[in-house]
């Protein structure tokens, strides 16, 4: 096993090791990490554990910012239109 229980493939750890990584690259890595987690995993608890694990990293690191953003609640979905909206 490359990583640990919270980062089995070591994706998050690798992101912290890449010098000059961008926020966009961190978001892509995070998405890959999230898709690899078990369906029944508590993702917020996993992210919190990762933040504790990498607490010594700079707060302005793009991966830290990505992990912090993942803890925020998503905005509610808004209807964007469609046939039913046009007919009412």
C-alpha atoms as a PDB file:
ATOM      1  CA  UNK A   1       0.000   0.000   0.000  1.00  0.00           C
ATOM      2  CA  UNK A   2       1.480   3.317  -1.055  1.00  0.00           C
ATOM      3  CA  UNK A   3      -0.410   5.630   1.282  1.00  0.00           C
ATOM      4  CA  UNK A   4      -2.585   5.136   4.332  1.00  0.00           C
ATOM      5  CA  UNK A   5      -6.253   4.638   5.127  1.00  0.00           C
ATOM      6  CA  UNK A   6      -7.106   8.265   4.272  1.00  0.00           C
ATOM      7  CA  UNK A   7      -4.959   8.449   1.135  1.00  0.00           C
ATOM      8  CA  UNK A   8      -4.585   4.855  -0.100  1.00  0.00           C
ATOM      9  CA  UNK A   9      -2.939   5.706  -3.420  1.00  0.00           C
ATOM     10  CA  UNK A  10      -0.837   8.525  -1.978  1.00  0.00           C
ATOM     11  CA  UNK A  11      -2.384  11.099  -4.311  1.00  0.00           C
ATOM     12  CA  UNK A  12      -2.680  13.845  -1.716  1.00  0.00           C
ATOM     13  CA  UNK A  13       0.834  13.210  -0.416  1.00  0.00           C
ATOM     14  CA  UNK A  14       2.177  13.352  -3.968  1.00  0.00           C
ATOM     15  CA  UNK A  15       0.394  16.662  -4.556  1.00  0.00           C
ATOM     16  CA  UNK A  16       2.143  18.172  -1.553  1.00  0.00           C
ATOM     17  CA  UNK A  17       5.487  16.926  -2.902  1.00  0.00           C
ATOM     18  CA  UNK A  18       5.090  18.573  -6.329  1.00  0.00           C
ATOM     19  CA  UNK A  19       6.822  21.936  -6.350  1.00  0.00           C
ATOM     20  CA  UNK A  20       4.883  24.691  -8.083  1.00  0.00           C
ATOM     21  CA  UNK A  21       1.614  22.740  -8.269  1.00  0.00           C
ATOM     22  CA  UNK A  22      -1.415  24.857  -9.160  1.00  0.00           C
ATOM     23  CA  UNK A  23      -4.883  25.005  -7.613  1.00  0.00           C
ATOM     24  CA  UNK A  24      -6.354  23.500 -10.787  1.00  0.00           C
ATOM     25  CA  UNK A  25      -3.992  20.553 -10.639  1.00  0.00           C
ATOM     26  CA  UNK A  26      -4.818  20.066  -6.949  1.00  0.00           C
ATOM     27  CA  UNK A  27      -8.535  20.057  -7.719  1.00  0.00           C
ATOM     28  CA  UNK A  28      -7.990  17.413 -10.390  1.00  0.00           C
ATOM     29  CA  UNK A  29      -5.948  15.288  -7.976  1.00  0.00           C
ATOM     30  CA  UNK A  30      -8.603  15.755  -5.284  1.00  0.00           C
ATOM     31  CA  UNK A  31     -11.334  14.631  -7.680  1.00  0.00           C
ATOM     32  CA  UNK A  32      -9.316  11.527  -8.529  1.00  0.00           C
ATOM     33  CA  UNK A  33      -8.837  10.880  -4.805  1.00  0.00           C
ATOM     34  CA  UNK A  34     -12.567  11.363  -4.099  1.00  0.00           C
ATOM     35  CA  UNK A  35     -13.607   9.027  -6.917  1.00  0.00           C
ATOM     36  CA  UNK A  36     -11.309   6.364  -5.499  1.00  0.00           C
ATOM     37  CA  UNK A  37     -12.873   6.455  -2.034  1.00  0.00           C
ATOM     38  CA  UNK A  38     -15.421   3.810  -1.039  1.00  0.00           C
ATOM     39  CA  UNK A  39     -19.033   4.873  -1.578  1.00  0.00           C
ATOM     40  CA  UNK A  40     -19.868   4.564   2.107  1.00  0.00           C
ATOM     41  CA  UNK A  41     -16.826   6.576   3.272  1.00  0.00           C
ATOM     42  CA  UNK A  42     -17.436   9.749   5.269  1.00  0.00           C
ATOM     43  CA  UNK A  43     -15.639  12.117   2.910  1.00  0.00           C
ATOM     44  CA  UNK A  44     -15.654  15.097   5.293  1.00  0.00           C
ATOM     45  CA  UNK A  45     -14.068  12.989   8.026  1.00  0.00           C
ATOM     46  CA  UNK A  46     -11.466  11.754   5.530  1.00  0.00           C
ATOM     47  CA  UNK A  47     -10.656  15.325   4.452  1.00  0.00           C
ATOM     48  CA  UNK A  48     -10.365  16.453   8.081  1.00  0.00           C
ATOM     49  CA  UNK A  49      -7.950  13.591   8.755  1.00  0.00           C
ATOM     50  CA  UNK A  50      -5.878  14.629   5.735  1.00  0.00           C
ATOM     51  CA  UNK A  51      -5.740  18.212   6.993  1.00  0.00           C
ATOM     52  CA  UNK A  52      -4.459  16.938  10.347  1.00  0.00           C
ATOM     53  CA  UNK A  53      -1.933  14.681   8.637  1.00  0.00           C
ATOM     54  CA  UNK A  54      -0.583  17.538   6.498  1.00  0.00           C
ATOM     55  CA  UNK A  55      -0.949  20.286   9.131  1.00  0.00           C
ATOM     56  CA  UNK A  56       2.752  21.144   8.851  1.00  0.00           C
ATOM     57  CA  UNK A  57       2.270  22.195   5.225  1.00  0.00           C
ATOM     58  CA  UNK A  58       1.831  25.904   4.463  1.00  0.00           C
ATOM     59  CA  UNK A  59      -1.762  27.145   4.809  1.00  0.00           C
ATOM     60  CA  UNK A  60      -1.530  28.772   1.381  1.00  0.00           C
ATOM     61  CA  UNK A  61      -0.532  25.522  -0.373  1.00  0.00           C
ATOM     62  CA  UNK A  62      -3.026  24.813  -3.197  1.00  0.00           C
ATOM     63  CA  UNK A  63      -3.812  21.328  -1.853  1.00  0.00           C
ATOM     64  CA  UNK A  64      -4.531  22.714   1.615  1.00  0.00           C
ATOM     65  CA  UNK A  65      -6.853  25.269   0.018  1.00  0.00           C
ATOM     66  CA  UNK A  66      -8.539  22.502  -1.997  1.00  0.00           C
ATOM     67  CA  UNK A  67      -9.061  20.361   1.108  1.00  0.00           C
ATOM     68  CA  UNK A  68     -10.474  23.310   3.040  1.00  0.00           C
ATOM     69  CA  UNK A  69     -12.860  24.075   0.175  1.00  0.00           C
ATOM     70  CA  UNK A  70     -14.010  20.444   0.233  1.00  0.00           C
ATOM     71  CA  UNK A  71     -15.257  20.913   3.795  1.00  0.00           C
ATOM     72  CA  UNK A  72     -17.638  23.689   2.798  1.00  0.00           C
ATOM     73  CA  UNK A  73     -21.225  22.730   2.088  1.00  0.00           C
ATOM     74  CA  UNK A  74     -22.150  22.784  -1.577  1.00  0.00           C
ATOM     75  CA  UNK A  75     -24.641  25.364  -2.734  1.00  0.00           C
ATOM     76  CA  UNK A  76     -28.109  23.954  -3.356  1.00  0.00           C
ATOM     77  CA  UNK A  77     -28.776  22.955  -6.930  1.00  0.00           C
ATOM     78  CA  UNK A  78     -30.749  25.427  -8.972  1.00  0.00           C
ATOM     79  CA  UNK A  79     -33.068  24.596 -11.793  1.00  0.00           C
ATOM     80  CA  UNK A  80     -31.488  25.596 -15.078  1.00  0.00           C
ATOM     81  CA  UNK A  81     -34.484  25.245 -17.345  1.00  0.00           C
ATOM     82  CA  UNK A  82     -35.669  22.527 -19.632  1.00  0.00           C
ATOM     83  CA  UNK A  83     -38.913  21.580 -21.289  1.00  0.00           C
ATOM     84  CA  UNK A  84     -41.022  21.621 -18.119  1.00  0.00           C
ATOM     85  CA  UNK A  85     -39.893  25.183 -17.303  1.00  0.00           C
ATOM     86  CA  UNK A  86     -40.808  26.415 -20.776  1.00  0.00           C
ATOM     87  CA  UNK A  87     -44.283  24.888 -20.692  1.00  0.00           C
ATOM     88  CA  UNK A  88     -45.356  26.275 -17.321  1.00  0.00           C
END
